[in-house]
């Protein structure tokens, strides 16, 4: 993962949730941030602490998947199919800047 960060200048994000928990995986696998998957209306602390993370390193929370949820006024499908819904947890009022700094080229 160091090579990816060195080449892009961006932090590496691990996406996961229940499978990591079910397999007792707490290793960050070289990633600096977590995008946690939990398809529910709440994000209990143990959702990310049980897999070795603290809230200050949880970039995002995917709370709907496979087009199963909706937000009024937002699309349910894209040109590639059904959409997931996530929220950015880091950055507060600067969440968009945090995403740009993490992912944009």
PDB file of N, CA and C in Angstrom:
ATOM      1  N   UNK A   1       0.809  -1.181   0.000  1.00  0.00           N
ATOM      2  CA  UNK A   1       0.000   0.000   0.000  1.00  0.00           C
ATOM      3  C   UNK A   1       0.863   1.260   0.000  1.00  0.00           C
ATOM      4  N   UNK A   2       2.061   1.152   0.529  1.00  0.00           N
ATOM      5  CA  UNK A   2       2.958   2.297   0.524  1.00  0.00           C
ATOM      6  C   UNK A   2       3.263   2.768  -0.883  1.00  0.00           C
ATOM      7  N   UNK A   3       3.395   1.830  -1.815  1.00  0.00           N
ATOM      8  CA  UNK A   3       3.683   2.179  -3.204  1.00  0.00           C
ATOM      9  C   UNK A   3       2.525   2.964  -3.813  1.00  0.00           C
ATOM     10  N   UNK A   4       1.303   2.602  -3.458  1.00  0.00           N
ATOM     11  CA  UNK A   4       0.137   3.304  -3.977  1.00  0.00           C
ATOM     12  C   UNK A   4       0.120   4.734  -3.450  1.00  0.00           C
ATOM     13  N   UNK A   5       0.337   4.885  -2.153  1.00  0.00           N
ATOM     14  CA  UNK A   5       0.349   6.232  -1.578  1.00  0.00           C
ATOM     15  C   UNK A   5       1.504   7.043  -2.141  1.00  0.00           C
ATOM     16  N   UNK A   6       2.664   6.410  -2.296  1.00  0.00           N
ATOM     17  CA  UNK A   6       3.817   7.117  -2.859  1.00  0.00           C
ATOM     18  C   UNK A   6       3.543   7.576  -4.289  1.00  0.00           C
ATOM     19  N   UNK A   7       2.889   6.730  -5.071  1.00  0.00           N
ATOM     20  CA  UNK A   7       2.638   7.045  -6.475  1.00  0.00           C
ATOM     21  C   UNK A   7       1.540   8.081  -6.660  1.00  0.00           C
ATOM     22  N   UNK A   8       0.535   8.059  -5.774  1.00  0.00           N
ATOM     23  CA  UNK A   8      -0.619   8.935  -5.962  1.00  0.00           C
ATOM     24  C   UNK A   8      -0.662  10.110  -4.999  1.00  0.00           C
ATOM     25  N   UNK A   9       0.031   9.971  -3.875  1.00  0.00           N
ATOM     26  CA  UNK A   9      -0.048  10.992  -2.838  1.00  0.00           C
ATOM     27  C   UNK A   9      -1.343  10.932  -2.052  1.00  0.00           C
ATOM     28  N   UNK A  10      -2.134   9.891  -2.273  1.00  0.00           N
ATOM     29  CA  UNK A  10      -3.435   9.750  -1.616  1.00  0.00           C
ATOM     30  C   UNK A  10      -3.394   8.649  -0.571  1.00  0.00           C
ATOM     31  N   UNK A  11      -4.240   8.805   0.459  1.00  0.00           N
ATOM     32  CA  UNK A  11      -4.346   7.780   1.480  1.00  0.00           C
ATOM     33  C   UNK A  11      -5.090   6.566   0.910  1.00  0.00           C
ATOM     34  N   UNK A  12      -4.738   5.398   1.385  1.00  0.00           N
ATOM     35  CA  UNK A  12      -5.376   4.165   0.918  1.00  0.00           C
ATOM     36  C   UNK A  12      -6.526   3.830   1.869  1.00  0.00           C
ATOM     37  N   UNK A  13      -7.689   3.522   1.292  1.00  0.00           N
ATOM     38  CA  UNK A  13      -8.906   3.286   2.066  1.00  0.00           C
ATOM     39  C   UNK A  13      -9.286   1.808   1.982  1.00  0.00           C
ATOM     40  N   UNK A  14      -9.552   1.203   3.141  1.00  0.00           N
ATOM     41  CA  UNK A  14     -10.047  -0.170   3.210  1.00  0.00           C
ATOM     42  C   UNK A  14     -11.558  -0.123   3.266  1.00  0.00           C
ATOM     43  N   UNK A  15     -12.219  -0.916   2.426  1.00  0.00           N
ATOM     44  CA  UNK A  15     -13.675  -1.037   2.449  1.00  0.00           C
ATOM     45  C   UNK A  15     -14.012  -2.401   3.023  1.00  0.00           C
ATOM     46  N   UNK A  16     -14.844  -2.437   4.050  1.00  0.00           N
ATOM     47  CA  UNK A  16     -15.228  -3.716   4.623  1.00  0.00           C
ATOM     48  C   UNK A  16     -16.162  -3.533   5.795  1.00  0.00           C
ATOM     49  N   UNK A  17     -16.536  -4.660   6.366  1.00  0.00           N
ATOM     50  CA  UNK A  17     -17.452  -4.629   7.504  1.00  0.00           C
ATOM     51  C   UNK A  17     -17.624  -5.996   8.108  1.00  0.00           C
ATOM     52  N   UNK A  18     -18.782  -6.599   7.887  1.00  0.00           N
ATOM     53  CA  UNK A  18     -19.139  -7.831   8.587  1.00  0.00           C
ATOM     54  C   UNK A  18     -18.195  -8.994   8.281  1.00  0.00           C
ATOM     55  N   UNK A  19     -17.689  -9.079   7.065  1.00  0.00           N
ATOM     56  CA  UNK A  19     -16.782 -10.182   6.762  1.00  0.00           C
ATOM     57  C   UNK A  19     -15.492 -10.049   7.576  1.00  0.00           C
ATOM     58  N   UNK A  20     -14.973  -8.834   7.691  1.00  0.00           N
ATOM     59  CA  UNK A  20     -13.784  -8.620   8.517  1.00  0.00           C
ATOM     60  C   UNK A  20     -14.082  -9.021   9.961  1.00  0.00           C
ATOM     61  N   UNK A  21     -15.238  -8.599  10.459  1.00  0.00           N
ATOM     62  CA  UNK A  21     -15.637  -8.921  11.830  1.00  0.00           C
ATOM     63  C   UNK A  21     -15.820 -10.421  12.001  1.00  0.00           C
ATOM     64  N   UNK A  22     -16.517 -11.066  11.084  1.00  0.00           N
ATOM     65  CA  UNK A  22     -16.773 -12.512  11.177  1.00  0.00           C
ATOM     66  C   UNK A  22     -15.488 -13.324  11.167  1.00  0.00           C
ATOM     67  N   UNK A  23     -14.474 -12.829  10.457  1.00  0.00           N
ATOM     68  CA  UNK A  23     -13.197 -13.540  10.365  1.00  0.00           C
ATOM     69  C   UNK A  23     -12.160 -13.029  11.371  1.00  0.00           C
ATOM     70  N   UNK A  24     -12.608 -12.140  12.280  1.00  0.00           N
ATOM     71  CA  UNK A  24     -11.733 -11.560  13.311  1.00  0.00           C
ATOM     72  C   UNK A  24     -10.504 -10.875  12.715  1.00  0.00           C
ATOM     73  N   UNK A  25     -10.687 -10.203  11.599  1.00  0.00           N
ATOM     74  CA  UNK A  25      -9.584  -9.485  10.961  1.00  0.00           C
ATOM     75  C   UNK A  25      -9.558  -8.061  11.503  1.00  0.00           C
ATOM     76  N   UNK A  26      -8.444  -7.704  12.140  1.00  0.00           N
ATOM     77  CA  UNK A  26      -8.284  -6.349  12.673  1.00  0.00           C
ATOM     78  C   UNK A  26      -7.098  -5.631  12.038  1.00  0.00           C
ATOM     79  N   UNK A  27      -6.385  -6.311  11.169  1.00  0.00           N
ATOM     80  CA  UNK A  27      -5.243  -5.709  10.482  1.00  0.00           C
ATOM     81  C   UNK A  27      -5.741  -4.645   9.505  1.00  0.00           C
ATOM     82  N   UNK A  28      -5.084  -3.522   9.462  1.00  0.00           N
ATOM     83  CA  UNK A  28      -5.488  -2.443   8.560  1.00  0.00           C
ATOM     84  C   UNK A  28      -4.996  -2.651   7.134  1.00  0.00           C
ATOM     85  N   UNK A  29      -4.187  -3.675   6.936  1.00  0.00           N
ATOM     86  CA  UNK A  29      -3.691  -4.067   5.611  1.00  0.00           C
ATOM     87  C   UNK A  29      -3.031  -2.901   4.873  1.00  0.00           C
ATOM     88  N   UNK A  30      -2.338  -2.069   5.623  1.00  0.00           N
ATOM     89  CA  UNK A  30      -1.616  -0.954   5.023  1.00  0.00           C
ATOM     90  C   UNK A  30      -2.469   0.260   4.706  1.00  0.00           C
ATOM     91  N   UNK A  31      -3.742   0.201   5.036  1.00  0.00           N
ATOM     92  CA  UNK A  31      -4.654   1.307   4.735  1.00  0.00           C
ATOM     93  C   UNK A  31      -4.659   2.320   5.877  1.00  0.00           C
ATOM     94  N   UNK A  32      -4.874   3.570   5.517  1.00  0.00           N
ATOM     95  CA  UNK A  32      -4.918   4.631   6.512  1.00  0.00           C
ATOM     96  C   UNK A  32      -6.338   4.971   6.957  1.00  0.00           C
ATOM     97  N   UNK A  33      -7.316   4.649   6.133  1.00  0.00           N
ATOM     98  CA  UNK A  33      -8.709   4.986   6.417  1.00  0.00           C
ATOM     99  C   UNK A  33      -9.614   3.788   6.155  1.00  0.00           C
ATOM    100  N   UNK A  34     -10.793   3.803   6.778  1.00  0.00           N
ATOM    101  CA  UNK A  34     -11.790   2.748   6.614  1.00  0.00           C
ATOM    102  C   UNK A  34     -13.076   3.333   6.042  1.00  0.00           C
ATOM    103  N   UNK A  35     -13.663   2.629   5.078  1.00  0.00           N
ATOM    104  CA  UNK A  35     -15.013   2.909   4.604  1.00  0.00           C
ATOM    105  C   UNK A  35     -15.814   1.680   5.018  1.00  0.00           C
ATOM    106  N   UNK A  36     -16.609   1.813   6.079  1.00  0.00           N
ATOM    107  CA  UNK A  36     -17.268   0.657   6.688  1.00  0.00           C
ATOM    108  C   UNK A  36     -18.634   0.424   6.055  1.00  0.00           C
ATOM    109  N   UNK A  37     -18.926  -0.841   5.802  1.00  0.00           N
ATOM    110  CA  UNK A  37     -20.231  -1.240   5.276  1.00  0.00           C
ATOM    111  C   UNK A  37     -21.075  -1.765   6.423  1.00  0.00           C
ATOM    112  N   UNK A  38     -22.192  -1.131   6.641  1.00  0.00           N
ATOM    113  CA  UNK A  38     -23.173  -1.605   7.628  1.00  0.00           C
ATOM    114  C   UNK A  38     -24.525  -1.123   7.139  1.00  0.00           C
ATOM    115  N   UNK A  39     -25.310  -2.049   6.617  1.00  0.00           N
ATOM    116  CA  UNK A  39     -26.598  -1.708   6.021  1.00  0.00           C
ATOM    117  C   UNK A  39     -27.663  -1.627   7.109  1.00  0.00           C
ATOM    118  N   UNK A  40     -27.622  -0.537   7.849  1.00  0.00           N
ATOM    119  CA  UNK A  40     -28.560  -0.320   8.951  1.00  0.00           C
ATOM    120  C   UNK A  40     -28.681   1.181   9.191  1.00  0.00           C
ATOM    121  N   UNK A  41     -29.652   1.564  10.002  1.00  0.00           N
ATOM    122  CA  UNK A  41     -29.892   2.983  10.257  1.00  0.00           C
ATOM    123  C   UNK A  41     -29.003   3.551  11.356  1.00  0.00           C
ATOM    124  N   UNK A  42     -28.180   2.705  11.980  1.00  0.00           N
ATOM    125  CA  UNK A  42     -27.257   3.172  13.013  1.00  0.00           C
ATOM    126  C   UNK A  42     -25.874   2.589  12.762  1.00  0.00           C
ATOM    127  N   UNK A  43     -24.881   3.243  13.328  1.00  0.00           N
ATOM    128  CA  UNK A  43     -23.497   2.774  13.228  1.00  0.00           C
ATOM    129  C   UNK A  43     -22.932   2.671  14.641  1.00  0.00           C
ATOM    130  N   UNK A  44     -23.199   1.546  15.336  1.00  0.00           N
ATOM    131  CA  UNK A  44     -22.668   1.387  16.683  1.00  0.00           C
ATOM    132  C   UNK A  44     -21.131   1.400  16.677  1.00  0.00           C
ATOM    133  N   UNK A  45     -20.559   1.882  17.755  1.00  0.00           N
ATOM    134  CA  UNK A  45     -19.111   2.004  17.873  1.00  0.00           C
ATOM    135  C   UNK A  45     -18.410   0.676  17.595  1.00  0.00           C
ATOM    136  N   UNK A  46     -18.961  -0.425  18.077  1.00  0.00           N
ATOM    137  CA  UNK A  46     -18.288  -1.719  17.887  1.00  0.00           C
ATOM    138  C   UNK A  46     -18.253  -2.168  16.429  1.00  0.00           C
ATOM    139  N   UNK A  47     -19.016  -1.508  15.552  1.00  0.00           N
ATOM    140  CA  UNK A  47     -18.985  -1.833  14.128  1.00  0.00           C
ATOM    141  C   UNK A  47     -17.585  -1.653  13.561  1.00  0.00           C
ATOM    142  N   UNK A  48     -16.886  -0.607  13.994  1.00  0.00           N
ATOM    143  CA  UNK A  48     -15.530  -0.356  13.503  1.00  0.00           C
ATOM    144  C   UNK A  48     -14.458  -0.695  14.535  1.00  0.00           C
ATOM    145  N   UNK A  49     -14.753  -0.570  15.830  1.00  0.00           N
ATOM    146  CA  UNK A  49     -13.720  -0.905  16.823  1.00  0.00           C
ATOM    147  C   UNK A  49     -13.438  -2.405  16.858  1.00  0.00           C
ATOM    148  N   UNK A  50     -14.445  -3.220  16.574  1.00  0.00           N
ATOM    149  CA  UNK A  50     -14.242  -4.676  16.590  1.00  0.00           C
ATOM    150  C   UNK A  50     -13.336  -5.140  15.450  1.00  0.00           C
ATOM    151  N   UNK A  51     -13.138  -4.282  14.450  1.00  0.00           N
ATOM    152  CA  UNK A  51     -12.218  -4.628  13.367  1.00  0.00           C
ATOM    153  C   UNK A  51     -10.955  -3.759  13.416  1.00  0.00           C
ATOM    154  N   UNK A  52     -10.716  -3.149  14.594  1.00  0.00           N
ATOM    155  CA  UNK A  52      -9.448  -2.499  14.843  1.00  0.00           C
ATOM    156  C   UNK A  52      -9.324  -1.034  14.468  1.00  0.00           C
ATOM    157  N   UNK A  53     -10.431  -0.337  14.302  1.00  0.00           N
ATOM    158  CA  UNK A  53     -10.393   1.060  13.872  1.00  0.00           C
ATOM    159  C   UNK A  53     -10.984   1.977  14.933  1.00  0.00           C
ATOM    160  N   UNK A  54     -10.603   3.251  14.871  1.00  0.00           N
ATOM    161  CA  UNK A  54     -11.207   4.280  15.709  1.00  0.00           C
ATOM    162  C   UNK A  54     -11.973   5.233  14.802  1.00  0.00           C
ATOM    163  N   UNK A  55     -12.920   5.950  15.384  1.00  0.00           N
ATOM    164  CA  UNK A  55     -13.783   6.824  14.589  1.00  0.00           C
ATOM    165  C   UNK A  55     -12.991   7.860  13.801  1.00  0.00           C
ATOM    166  N   UNK A  56     -11.865   8.315  14.336  1.00  0.00           N
ATOM    167  CA  UNK A  56     -11.105   9.340  13.627  1.00  0.00           C
ATOM    168  C   UNK A  56     -10.410   8.822  12.374  1.00  0.00           C
ATOM    169  N   UNK A  57     -10.553   7.512  12.091  1.00  0.00           N
ATOM    170  CA  UNK A  57     -10.006   6.940  10.861  1.00  0.00           C
ATOM    171  C   UNK A  57     -11.089   6.294   9.989  1.00  0.00           C
ATOM    172  N   UNK A  58     -12.359   6.521  10.351  1.00  0.00           N
ATOM    173  CA  UNK A  58     -13.478   6.021   9.544  1.00  0.00           C
ATOM    174  C   UNK A  58     -13.898   7.138   8.591  1.00  0.00           C
ATOM    175  N   UNK A  59     -13.505   6.994   7.337  1.00  0.00           N
ATOM    176  CA  UNK A  59     -13.820   8.007   6.329  1.00  0.00           C
ATOM    177  C   UNK A  59     -15.295   8.003   5.979  1.00  0.00           C
ATOM    178  N   UNK A  60     -15.863   6.805   5.785  1.00  0.00           N
ATOM    179  CA  UNK A  60     -17.248   6.737   5.337  1.00  0.00           C
ATOM    180  C   UNK A  60     -17.998   5.556   5.881  1.00  0.00           C
ATOM    181  N   UNK A  61     -19.309   5.621   5.748  1.00  0.00           N
ATOM    182  CA  UNK A  61     -20.210   4.547   6.185  1.00  0.00           C
ATOM    183  C   UNK A  61     -21.217   4.309   5.065  1.00  0.00           C
ATOM    184  N   UNK A  62     -21.156   3.118   4.480  1.00  0.00           N
ATOM    185  CA  UNK A  62     -22.145   2.724   3.478  1.00  0.00           C
ATOM    186  C   UNK A  62     -23.302   2.088   4.224  1.00  0.00           C
ATOM    187  N   UNK A  63     -24.464   2.738   4.186  1.00  0.00           N
ATOM    188  CA  UNK A  63     -25.589   2.225   4.968  1.00  0.00           C
ATOM    189  C   UNK A  63     -26.712   1.638   4.126  1.00  0.00           C
ATOM    190  N   UNK A  64     -26.616   1.725   2.809  1.00  0.00           N
ATOM    191  CA  UNK A  64     -27.566   1.071   1.911  1.00  0.00           C
ATOM    192  C   UNK A  64     -26.794   0.495   0.746  1.00  0.00           C
ATOM    193  N   UNK A  65     -27.196  -0.662   0.296  1.00  0.00           N
ATOM    194  CA  UNK A  65     -26.523  -1.274  -0.830  1.00  0.00           C
ATOM    195  C   UNK A  65     -27.487  -1.872  -1.822  1.00  0.00           C
ATOM    196  N   UNK A  66     -27.012  -2.058  -3.027  1.00  0.00           N
ATOM    197  CA  UNK A  66     -27.768  -2.710  -4.095  1.00  0.00           C
ATOM    198  C   UNK A  66     -29.086  -2.021  -4.420  1.00  0.00           C
ATOM    199  N   UNK A  67     -29.121  -0.693  -4.226  1.00  0.00           N
ATOM    200  CA  UNK A  67     -30.337   0.042  -4.561  1.00  0.00           C
ATOM    201  C   UNK A  67     -31.493  -0.223  -3.628  1.00  0.00           C
ATOM    202  N   UNK A  68     -31.222  -0.805  -2.442  1.00  0.00           N
ATOM    203  CA  UNK A  68     -32.291  -1.177  -1.515  1.00  0.00           C
ATOM    204  C   UNK A  68     -32.804  -0.005  -0.690  1.00  0.00           C
ATOM    205  N   UNK A  69     -32.077   1.095  -0.619  1.00  0.00           N
ATOM    206  CA  UNK A  69     -32.512   2.255   0.143  1.00  0.00           C
ATOM    207  C   UNK A  69     -32.730   3.434  -0.779  1.00  0.00           C
ATOM    208  N   UNK A  70     -33.217   4.524  -0.199  1.00  0.00           N
ATOM    209  CA  UNK A  70     -33.396   5.706  -1.035  1.00  0.00           C
ATOM    210  C   UNK A  70     -33.352   6.961  -0.190  1.00  0.00           C
ATOM    211  N   UNK A  71     -33.015   8.048  -0.843  1.00  0.00           N
ATOM    212  CA  UNK A  71     -33.091   9.383  -0.268  1.00  0.00           C
ATOM    213  C   UNK A  71     -33.918  10.206  -1.237  1.00  0.00           C
ATOM    214  N   UNK A  72     -34.895  10.889  -0.727  1.00  0.00           N
ATOM    215  CA  UNK A  72     -35.775  11.673  -1.580  1.00  0.00           C
ATOM    216  C   UNK A  72     -34.972  12.640  -2.443  1.00  0.00           C
ATOM    217  N   UNK A  73     -35.221  12.605  -3.741  1.00  0.00           N
ATOM    218  CA  UNK A  73     -34.557  13.511  -4.664  1.00  0.00           C
ATOM    219  C   UNK A  73     -33.226  13.014  -5.197  1.00  0.00           C
ATOM    220  N   UNK A  74     -32.758  11.869  -4.736  1.00  0.00           N
ATOM    221  CA  UNK A  74     -31.492  11.318  -5.212  1.00  0.00           C
ATOM    222  C   UNK A  74     -31.767  10.084  -6.071  1.00  0.00           C
ATOM    223  N   UNK A  75     -30.923   9.833  -7.059  1.00  0.00           N
ATOM    224  CA  UNK A  75     -31.177   8.705  -7.965  1.00  0.00           C
ATOM    225  C   UNK A  75     -31.024   7.352  -7.283  1.00  0.00           C
ATOM    226  N   UNK A  76     -31.799   6.404  -7.767  1.00  0.00           N
ATOM    227  CA  UNK A  76     -31.713   5.014  -7.287  1.00  0.00           C
ATOM    228  C   UNK A  76     -30.899   4.163  -8.246  1.00  0.00           C
ATOM    229  N   UNK A  77     -30.703   4.653  -9.466  1.00  0.00           N
ATOM    230  CA  UNK A  77     -29.912   3.920 -10.443  1.00  0.00           C
ATOM    231  C   UNK A  77     -28.974   4.891 -11.146  1.00  0.00           C
ATOM    232  N   UNK A  78     -27.957   4.327 -11.727  1.00  0.00           N
ATOM    233  CA  UNK A  78     -26.993   5.091 -12.519  1.00  0.00           C
ATOM    234  C   UNK A  78     -26.833   4.368 -13.851  1.00  0.00           C
ATOM    235  N   UNK A  79     -26.049   4.918 -14.769  1.00  0.00           N
ATOM    236  CA  UNK A  79     -25.832   4.211 -16.032  1.00  0.00           C
ATOM    237  C   UNK A  79     -25.248   2.805 -15.843  1.00  0.00           C
ATOM    238  N   UNK A  80     -24.630   2.559 -14.688  1.00  0.00           N
ATOM    239  CA  UNK A  80     -24.045   1.240 -14.444  1.00  0.00           C
ATOM    240  C   UNK A  80     -24.939   0.343 -13.610  1.00  0.00           C
ATOM    241  N   UNK A  81     -26.098   0.823 -13.179  1.00  0.00           N
ATOM    242  CA  UNK A  81     -27.016  -0.015 -12.415  1.00  0.00           C
ATOM    243  C   UNK A  81     -27.446   0.623 -11.104  1.00  0.00           C
ATOM    244  N   UNK A  82     -27.800  -0.225 -10.138  1.00  0.00           N
ATOM    245  CA  UNK A  82     -28.268   0.242  -8.840  1.00  0.00           C
ATOM    246  C   UNK A  82     -27.143   0.955  -8.094  1.00  0.00           C
ATOM    247  N   UNK A  83     -27.521   1.858  -7.195  1.00  0.00           N
ATOM    248  CA  UNK A  83     -26.529   2.637  -6.469  1.00  0.00           C
ATOM    249  C   UNK A  83     -26.539   2.294  -4.976  1.00  0.00           C
ATOM    250  N   UNK A  84     -25.408   2.526  -4.332  1.00  0.00           N
ATOM    251  CA  UNK A  84     -25.280   2.401  -2.888  1.00  0.00           C
ATOM    252  C   UNK A  84     -25.382   3.797  -2.296  1.00  0.00           C
ATOM    253  N   UNK A  85     -25.702   3.878  -1.022  1.00  0.00           N
ATOM    254  CA  UNK A  85     -25.759   5.176  -0.350  1.00  0.00           C
ATOM    255  C   UNK A  85     -24.780   5.146   0.814  1.00  0.00           C
ATOM    256  N   UNK A  86     -23.921   6.150   0.840  1.00  0.00           N
ATOM    257  CA  UNK A  86     -22.920   6.273   1.891  1.00  0.00           C
ATOM    258  C   UNK A  86     -22.914   7.688   2.438  1.00  0.00           C
ATOM    259  N   UNK A  87     -22.311   7.833   3.592  1.00  0.00           N
ATOM    260  CA  UNK A  87     -22.104   9.144   4.175  1.00  0.00           C
ATOM    261  C   UNK A  87     -20.632   9.298   4.526  1.00  0.00           C
ATOM    262  N   UNK A  88     -20.129  10.495   4.413  1.00  0.00           N
ATOM    263  CA  UNK A  88     -18.744  10.785   4.769  1.00  0.00           C
ATOM    264  C   UNK A  88     -18.721  11.188   6.238  1.00  0.00           C
ATOM    265  N   UNK A  89     -17.862  10.545   7.016  1.00  0.00           N
ATOM    266  CA  UNK A  89     -17.799  10.820   8.444  1.00  0.00           C
ATOM    267  C   UNK A  89     -16.657  11.753   8.813  1.00  0.00           C
ATOM    268  N   UNK A  90     -15.610  11.798   8.011  1.00  0.00           N
ATOM    269  CA  UNK A  90     -14.481  12.677   8.303  1.00  0.00           C
ATOM    270  C   UNK A  90     -14.654  14.006   7.593  1.00  0.00           C
ATOM    271  N   UNK A  91     -14.142  15.043   8.182  1.00  0.00           N
ATOM    272  CA  UNK A  91     -14.111  16.326   7.509  1.00  0.00           C
ATOM    273  C   UNK A  91     -15.161  17.313   7.947  1.00  0.00           C
ATOM    274  N   UNK A  92     -16.228  16.851   8.608  1.00  0.00           N
ATOM    275  CA  UNK A  92     -17.267  17.771   9.053  1.00  0.00           C
ATOM    276  C   UNK A  92     -17.760  18.647   7.923  1.00  0.00           C
ATOM    277  N   UNK A  93     -17.735  19.954   8.139  1.00  0.00           N
ATOM    278  CA  UNK A  93     -18.182  20.902   7.121  1.00  0.00           C
ATOM    279  C   UNK A  93     -17.285  20.857   5.894  1.00  0.00           C
ATOM    280  N   UNK A  94     -16.104  20.273   6.037  1.00  0.00           N
ATOM    281  CA  UNK A  94     -15.158  20.168   4.924  1.00  0.00           C
ATOM    282  C   UNK A  94     -15.154  18.770   4.311  1.00  0.00           C
ATOM    283  N   UNK A  95     -16.263  18.043   4.408  1.00  0.00           N
ATOM    284  CA  UNK A  95     -16.314  16.661   3.928  1.00  0.00           C
ATOM    285  C   UNK A  95     -15.975  16.550   2.448  1.00  0.00           C
ATOM    286  N   UNK A  96     -16.464  17.473   1.640  1.00  0.00           N
ATOM    287  CA  UNK A  96     -16.166  17.422   0.206  1.00  0.00           C
ATOM    288  C   UNK A  96     -14.672  17.590  -0.034  1.00  0.00           C
ATOM    289  N   UNK A  97     -14.044  18.502   0.679  1.00  0.00           N
ATOM    290  CA  UNK A  97     -12.598  18.690   0.549  1.00  0.00           C
ATOM    291  C   UNK A  97     -11.849  17.442   0.998  1.00  0.00           C
ATOM    292  N   UNK A  98     -12.335  16.803   2.050  1.00  0.00           N
ATOM    293  CA  UNK A  98     -11.707  15.565   2.531  1.00  0.00           C
ATOM    294  C   UNK A  98     -11.770  14.493   1.454  1.00  0.00           C
ATOM    295  N   UNK A  99     -12.926  14.338   0.800  1.00  0.00           N
ATOM    296  CA  UNK A  99     -13.057  13.361  -0.280  1.00  0.00           C
ATOM    297  C   UNK A  99     -12.134  13.696  -1.443  1.00  0.00           C
ATOM    298  N   UNK A 100     -12.096  14.950  -1.810  1.00  0.00           N
ATOM    299  CA  UNK A 100     -11.223  15.354  -2.919  1.00  0.00           C
ATOM    300  C   UNK A 100      -9.760  15.074  -2.587  1.00  0.00           C
ATOM    301  N   UNK A 101      -9.357  15.376  -1.376  1.00  0.00           N
ATOM    302  CA  UNK A 101      -7.961  15.158  -0.980  1.00  0.00           C
ATOM    303  C   UNK A 101      -7.637  13.677  -0.879  1.00  0.00           C
ATOM    304  N   UNK A 102      -8.640  12.858  -0.591  1.00  0.00           N
ATOM    305  CA  UNK A 102      -8.415  11.415  -0.455  1.00  0.00           C
ATOM    306  C   UNK A 102      -8.414  10.711  -1.802  1.00  0.00           C
ATOM    307  N   UNK A 103      -9.313  11.107  -2.719  1.00  0.00           N
ATOM    308  CA  UNK A 103      -9.507  10.346  -3.945  1.00  0.00           C
ATOM    309  C   UNK A 103      -9.125  11.039  -5.245  1.00  0.00           C
ATOM    310  N   UNK A 104      -9.267  12.335  -5.320  1.00  0.00           N
ATOM    311  CA  UNK A 104      -9.041  13.027  -6.596  1.00  0.00           C
ATOM    312  C   UNK A 104      -7.582  12.969  -7.032  1.00  0.00           C
ATOM    313  N   UNK A 105      -7.396  12.950  -8.339  1.00  0.00           N
ATOM    314  CA  UNK A 105      -6.039  12.896  -8.904  1.00  0.00           C
ATOM    315  C   UNK A 105      -5.360  14.232  -8.783  1.00  0.00           C
TER     316      UNK A 105
END
